[in-house]
Amino acid sequence: MVQAQETLQNITYDELQEGATASYSRTLTEDELVLFAAVSGDVNPVHLDAGFAADSMFKERIAHGMWSGSLISAALATVLPGPGTIYLEQSLSFKRPVKLNDTLTVNLTVLRKEPKGRVVVACEVRNQNDQQVVEGEAKVIAPSQKLTLEKPRLPKITIEY
């Protein structure tokens, strides 16, 4: 049995319409939280130390705010506009904490097209309880050429605790 390869396909600047929407979802696992800390260098104990976090205003460990921001980047790069997109600007407002095992959904809406391939996109991130955790706007350069690519396979990384 041949299994279909996952592909990524973009939406070019000419194809984009104001009001177009897309979404992207991901669940925060322990491994992802630790890997994000390792890659970013942000080892704030509110993210990594359950005892420290229990005494914080959140009463438990929370995700790095930029983990949510990175999901917006992933949505722009893989879904709308997709491969070939160049990220120029991002505003973010963090509304509530993200906790381990939360599933976040990034909702993108094209607000307007500007000259030179620029596109302004509203970005909203909601958790599995439909609570807003992040809102903001991104400005990107949308791709001018249509692309369909095989989705790259990432290595499986294991963490020893």
C-alpha atoms as a PDB file:
ATOM      1  CA  MET A   1       0.000   0.000   0.000  1.00  0.00           C
ATOM      2  CA  VAL A   2       1.410   3.380  -1.003  1.00  0.00           C
ATOM      3  CA  GLN A   3       0.803   6.158   1.458  1.00  0.00           C
ATOM      4  CA  ALA A   4       0.225   9.645   0.057  1.00  0.00           C
ATOM      5  CA  GLN A   5       2.901  12.196   0.887  1.00  0.00           C
ATOM      6  CA  GLU A   6       1.802  15.267   2.749  1.00  0.00           C
ATOM      7  CA  THR A   7       2.269  18.347   0.625  1.00  0.00           C
ATOM      8  CA  LEU A   8       2.378  22.060   1.213  1.00  0.00           C
ATOM      9  CA  GLN A   9       0.796  24.412  -1.289  1.00  0.00           C
ATOM     10  CA  ASN A  10       0.877  28.172  -1.189  1.00  0.00           C
ATOM     11  CA  ILE A  11      -1.588  30.871  -2.126  1.00  0.00           C
ATOM     12  CA  THR A  12       0.043  33.532  -4.254  1.00  0.00           C
ATOM     13  CA  TYR A  13      -0.407  37.262  -3.803  1.00  0.00           C
ATOM     14  CA  ASP A  14      -2.599  37.367  -6.920  1.00  0.00           C
ATOM     15  CA  GLU A  15      -4.804  34.546  -5.587  1.00  0.00           C
ATOM     16  CA  LEU A  16      -5.247  36.000  -2.098  1.00  0.00           C
ATOM     17  CA  GLN A  17      -8.513  37.756  -1.337  1.00  0.00           C
ATOM     18  CA  GLU A  18      -9.331  40.050   1.570  1.00  0.00           C
ATOM     19  CA  GLY A  19     -11.342  38.055   4.097  1.00  0.00           C
ATOM     20  CA  ALA A  20      -9.666  34.734   3.217  1.00  0.00           C
ATOM     21  CA  THR A  21      -9.147  32.560   6.298  1.00  0.00           C
ATOM     22  CA  ALA A  22      -7.100  29.564   7.371  1.00  0.00           C
ATOM     23  CA  SER A  23      -6.285  27.745  10.585  1.00  0.00           C
ATOM     24  CA  TYR A  24      -3.479  25.644  12.068  1.00  0.00           C
ATOM     25  CA  SER A  25      -3.550  23.609  15.310  1.00  0.00           C
ATOM     26  CA  ARG A  26      -0.978  22.089  17.637  1.00  0.00           C
ATOM     27  CA  THR A  27      -0.879  20.667  21.176  1.00  0.00           C
ATOM     28  CA  LEU A  28       1.790  21.697  23.688  1.00  0.00           C
ATOM     29  CA  THR A  29       3.585  18.612  24.990  1.00  0.00           C
ATOM     30  CA  GLU A  30       6.221  18.369  27.709  1.00  0.00           C
ATOM     31  CA  ASP A  31       8.829  17.607  25.046  1.00  0.00           C
ATOM     32  CA  GLU A  32       7.879  20.661  22.980  1.00  0.00           C
ATOM     33  CA  LEU A  33       7.993  22.922  26.039  1.00  0.00           C
ATOM     34  CA  VAL A  34      11.476  21.684  26.968  1.00  0.00           C
ATOM     35  CA  LEU A  35      12.727  21.822  23.378  1.00  0.00           C
ATOM     36  CA  PHE A  36      11.439  25.378  22.999  1.00  0.00           C
ATOM     37  CA  ALA A  37      13.327  26.341  26.177  1.00  0.00           C
ATOM     38  CA  ALA A  38      16.476  24.680  24.826  1.00  0.00           C
ATOM     39  CA  VAL A  39      16.259  26.273  21.386  1.00  0.00           C
ATOM     40  CA  SER A  40      15.315  29.747  22.620  1.00  0.00           C
ATOM     41  CA  GLY A  41      17.489  29.769  25.732  1.00  0.00           C
ATOM     42  CA  ASP A  42      14.488  30.945  27.778  1.00  0.00           C
ATOM     43  CA  VAL A  43      14.774  28.830  30.917  1.00  0.00           C
ATOM     44  CA  ASN A  44      12.501  30.962  33.086  1.00  0.00           C
ATOM     45  CA  PRO A  45      11.470  28.595  35.910  1.00  0.00           C
ATOM     46  CA  VAL A  46       7.785  29.447  35.410  1.00  0.00           C
ATOM     47  CA  HIS A  47       8.077  27.270  32.289  1.00  0.00           C
ATOM     48  CA  LEU A  48      10.259  24.471  33.626  1.00  0.00           C
ATOM     49  CA  ASP A  49      10.019  24.206  37.432  1.00  0.00           C
ATOM     50  CA  ALA A  50       6.671  22.962  38.800  1.00  0.00           C
ATOM     51  CA  GLY A  51       7.519  24.038  42.367  1.00  0.00           C
ATOM     52  CA  PHE A  52       8.453  27.558  41.306  1.00  0.00           C
ATOM     53  CA  ALA A  53       5.413  27.836  39.026  1.00  0.00           C
ATOM     54  CA  ALA A  54       3.063  26.689  41.827  1.00  0.00           C
ATOM     55  CA  ASP A  55       3.955  29.882  43.712  1.00  0.00           C
ATOM     56  CA  SER A  56       3.445  32.081  40.635  1.00  0.00           C
ATOM     57  CA  MET A  57       0.278  33.912  39.655  1.00  0.00           C
ATOM     58  CA  PHE A  58      -0.483  31.012  37.276  1.00  0.00           C
ATOM     59  CA  LYS A  59      -0.207  28.259  39.959  1.00  0.00           C
ATOM     60  CA  GLU A  60       1.311  25.881  37.407  1.00  0.00           C
ATOM     61  CA  ARG A  61       3.852  25.782  34.606  1.00  0.00           C
ATOM     62  CA  ILE A  62       2.972  27.754  31.500  1.00  0.00           C
ATOM     63  CA  ALA A  63       4.232  27.836  27.929  1.00  0.00           C
ATOM     64  CA  HIS A  64       6.580  30.474  26.626  1.00  0.00           C
ATOM     65  CA  GLY A  65       4.508  33.235  25.053  1.00  0.00           C
ATOM     66  CA  MET A  66       6.595  32.998  21.926  1.00  0.00           C
ATOM     67  CA  TRP A  67       5.655  29.323  21.517  1.00  0.00           C
ATOM     68  CA  SER A  68       2.207  30.654  20.620  1.00  0.00           C
ATOM     69  CA  GLY A  69       3.874  33.243  18.392  1.00  0.00           C
ATOM     70  CA  SER A  70       5.835  30.502  16.667  1.00  0.00           C
ATOM     71  CA  LEU A  71       2.564  28.753  15.798  1.00  0.00           C
ATOM     72  CA  ILE A  72       1.476  31.909  13.991  1.00  0.00           C
ATOM     73  CA  SER A  73       4.737  31.787  12.063  1.00  0.00           C
ATOM     74  CA  ALA A  74       4.095  28.131  11.203  1.00  0.00           C
ATOM     75  CA  ALA A  75       0.567  28.913  10.015  1.00  0.00           C
ATOM     76  CA  LEU A  76       1.777  31.746   7.776  1.00  0.00           C
ATOM     77  CA  ALA A  77       4.634  29.645   6.395  1.00  0.00           C
ATOM     78  CA  THR A  78       2.699  26.449   5.726  1.00  0.00           C
ATOM     79  CA  VAL A  79      -0.964  27.391   5.240  1.00  0.00           C
ATOM     80  CA  LEU A  80      -1.747  31.040   4.401  1.00  0.00           C
ATOM     81  CA  PRO A  81      -0.035  32.284   2.294  1.00  0.00           C
ATOM     82  CA  GLY A  82       2.216  29.220   2.692  1.00  0.00           C
ATOM     83  CA  PRO A  83       5.614  28.230   1.260  1.00  0.00           C
ATOM     84  CA  GLY A  84       7.634  31.168  -0.027  1.00  0.00           C
ATOM     85  CA  THR A  85       6.071  33.648   2.406  1.00  0.00           C
ATOM     86  CA  ILE A  86       8.469  36.230   3.874  1.00  0.00           C
ATOM     87  CA  TYR A  87       7.656  37.395   7.415  1.00  0.00           C
ATOM     88  CA  LEU A  88       8.117  41.165   7.878  1.00  0.00           C
ATOM     89  CA  GLU A  89       6.291  42.217  11.052  1.00  0.00           C
ATOM     90  CA  GLN A  90       4.237  40.805  13.906  1.00  0.00           C
ATOM     91  CA  SER A  91       2.323  42.380  16.774  1.00  0.00           C
ATOM     92  CA  LEU A  92       1.215  40.128  19.626  1.00  0.00           C
ATOM     93  CA  SER A  93      -0.989  40.634  22.658  1.00  0.00           C
ATOM     94  CA  PHE A  94      -1.013  37.763  25.151  1.00  0.00           C
ATOM     95  CA  LYS A  95      -4.475  37.366  26.689  1.00  0.00           C
ATOM     96  CA  ARG A  96      -4.205  34.245  28.868  1.00  0.00           C
ATOM     97  CA  PRO A  97      -1.623  31.600  29.727  1.00  0.00           C
ATOM     98  CA  VAL A  98      -1.070  28.442  27.711  1.00  0.00           C
ATOM     99  CA  LYS A  99      -0.594  25.317  29.782  1.00  0.00           C
ATOM    100  CA  LEU A 100       0.790  21.855  29.122  1.00  0.00           C
ATOM    101  CA  ASN A 101      -1.477  19.754  26.896  1.00  0.00           C
ATOM    102  CA  ASP A 102      -3.424  22.787  25.667  1.00  0.00           C
ATOM    103  CA  THR A 103      -4.332  22.549  22.001  1.00  0.00           C
ATOM    104  CA  LEU A 104      -4.021  25.888  20.264  1.00  0.00           C
ATOM    105  CA  THR A 105      -5.617  26.857  16.989  1.00  0.00           C
ATOM    106  CA  VAL A 106      -4.227  29.772  15.013  1.00  0.00           C
ATOM    107  CA  ASN A 107      -6.881  31.549  12.960  1.00  0.00           C
ATOM    108  CA  LEU A 108      -5.619  33.779  10.162  1.00  0.00           C
ATOM    109  CA  THR A 109      -7.687  36.315   8.225  1.00  0.00           C
ATOM    110  CA  VAL A 110      -6.380  38.401   5.326  1.00  0.00           C
ATOM    111  CA  LEU A 111      -7.161  42.023   6.246  1.00  0.00           C
ATOM    112  CA  ARG A 112      -5.721  43.784   3.219  1.00  0.00           C
ATOM    113  CA  LYS A 113      -3.345  43.555   0.311  1.00  0.00           C
ATOM    114  CA  GLU A 114      -0.753  46.283  -0.069  1.00  0.00           C
ATOM    115  CA  PRO A 115       1.685  47.173  -2.848  1.00  0.00           C
ATOM    116  CA  LYS A 116       4.834  45.129  -3.523  1.00  0.00           C
ATOM    117  CA  GLY A 117       3.238  41.817  -2.542  1.00  0.00           C
ATOM    118  CA  ARG A 118       2.631  42.826   1.059  1.00  0.00           C
ATOM    119  CA  VAL A 119      -0.320  41.336   2.914  1.00  0.00           C
ATOM    120  CA  VAL A 120      -1.631  42.215   6.386  1.00  0.00           C
ATOM    121  CA  VAL A 121      -3.088  39.263   8.256  1.00  0.00           C
ATOM    122  CA  ALA A 122      -5.104  39.233  11.496  1.00  0.00           C
ATOM    123  CA  CYS A 123      -3.812  36.510  13.800  1.00  0.00           C
ATOM    124  CA  GLU A 124      -5.839  35.010  16.614  1.00  0.00           C
ATOM    125  CA  VAL A 125      -4.898  32.020  18.745  1.00  0.00           C
ATOM    126  CA  ARG A 126      -7.545  30.135  20.751  1.00  0.00           C
ATOM    127  CA  ASN A 127      -7.235  27.179  23.101  1.00  0.00           C
ATOM    128  CA  GLN A 128      -9.308  23.985  23.149  1.00  0.00           C
ATOM    129  CA  ASN A 129     -11.930  25.783  25.281  1.00  0.00           C
ATOM    130  CA  ASP A 130     -12.325  28.450  22.575  1.00  0.00           C
ATOM    131  CA  GLN A 131     -10.648  31.029  24.821  1.00  0.00           C
ATOM    132  CA  GLN A 132      -8.497  33.627  23.107  1.00  0.00           C
ATOM    133  CA  VAL A 133      -4.865  33.341  24.211  1.00  0.00           C
ATOM    134  CA  VAL A 134      -3.166  35.640  21.668  1.00  0.00           C
ATOM    135  CA  GLU A 135      -4.198  38.253  19.151  1.00  0.00           C
ATOM    136  CA  GLY A 136      -2.183  40.316  16.747  1.00  0.00           C
ATOM    137  CA  GLU A 137      -1.375  41.233  13.180  1.00  0.00           C
ATOM    138  CA  ALA A 138       1.310  40.092  10.810  1.00  0.00           C
ATOM    139  CA  LYS A 139       2.678  41.673   7.668  1.00  0.00           C
ATOM    140  CA  VAL A 140       4.180  39.337   5.111  1.00  0.00           C
ATOM    141  CA  ILE A 141       5.310  39.311   1.527  1.00  0.00           C
ATOM    142  CA  ALA A 142       3.130  36.724  -0.167  1.00  0.00           C
ATOM    143  CA  PRO A 143       4.722  34.437  -2.728  1.00  0.00           C
ATOM    144  CA  SER A 144       4.408  35.436  -6.363  1.00  0.00           C
ATOM    145  CA  GLN A 145       4.937  31.920  -7.774  1.00  0.00           C
ATOM    146  CA  LYS A 146       2.648  28.955  -7.172  1.00  0.00           C
ATOM    147  CA  LEU A 147       4.387  26.160  -5.243  1.00  0.00           C
ATOM    148  CA  THR A 148       3.439  22.644  -4.249  1.00  0.00           C
ATOM    149  CA  LEU A 149       6.102  20.922  -2.172  1.00  0.00           C
ATOM    150  CA  GLU A 150       6.485  17.724  -0.211  1.00  0.00           C
ATOM    151  CA  LYS A 151       6.281  18.547   3.481  1.00  0.00           C
ATOM    152  CA  PRO A 152       9.759  18.091   4.978  1.00  0.00           C
ATOM    153  CA  ARG A 153      10.135  15.295   7.508  1.00  0.00           C
ATOM    154  CA  LEU A 154      11.664  16.403  10.787  1.00  0.00           C
ATOM    155  CA  PRO A 155      13.858  14.121  12.874  1.00  0.00           C
ATOM    156  CA  LYS A 156      12.375  12.556  15.982  1.00  0.00           C
ATOM    157  CA  ILE A 157      14.114  14.148  18.949  1.00  0.00           C
ATOM    158  CA  THR A 158      13.990  12.446  22.314  1.00  0.00           C
ATOM    159  CA  ILE A 159      14.610  14.164  25.610  1.00  0.00           C
ATOM    160  CA  GLU A 160      16.079  12.640  28.734  1.00  0.00           C
ATOM    161  CA  TYR A 161      14.696  14.096  31.951  1.00  0.00           C
END
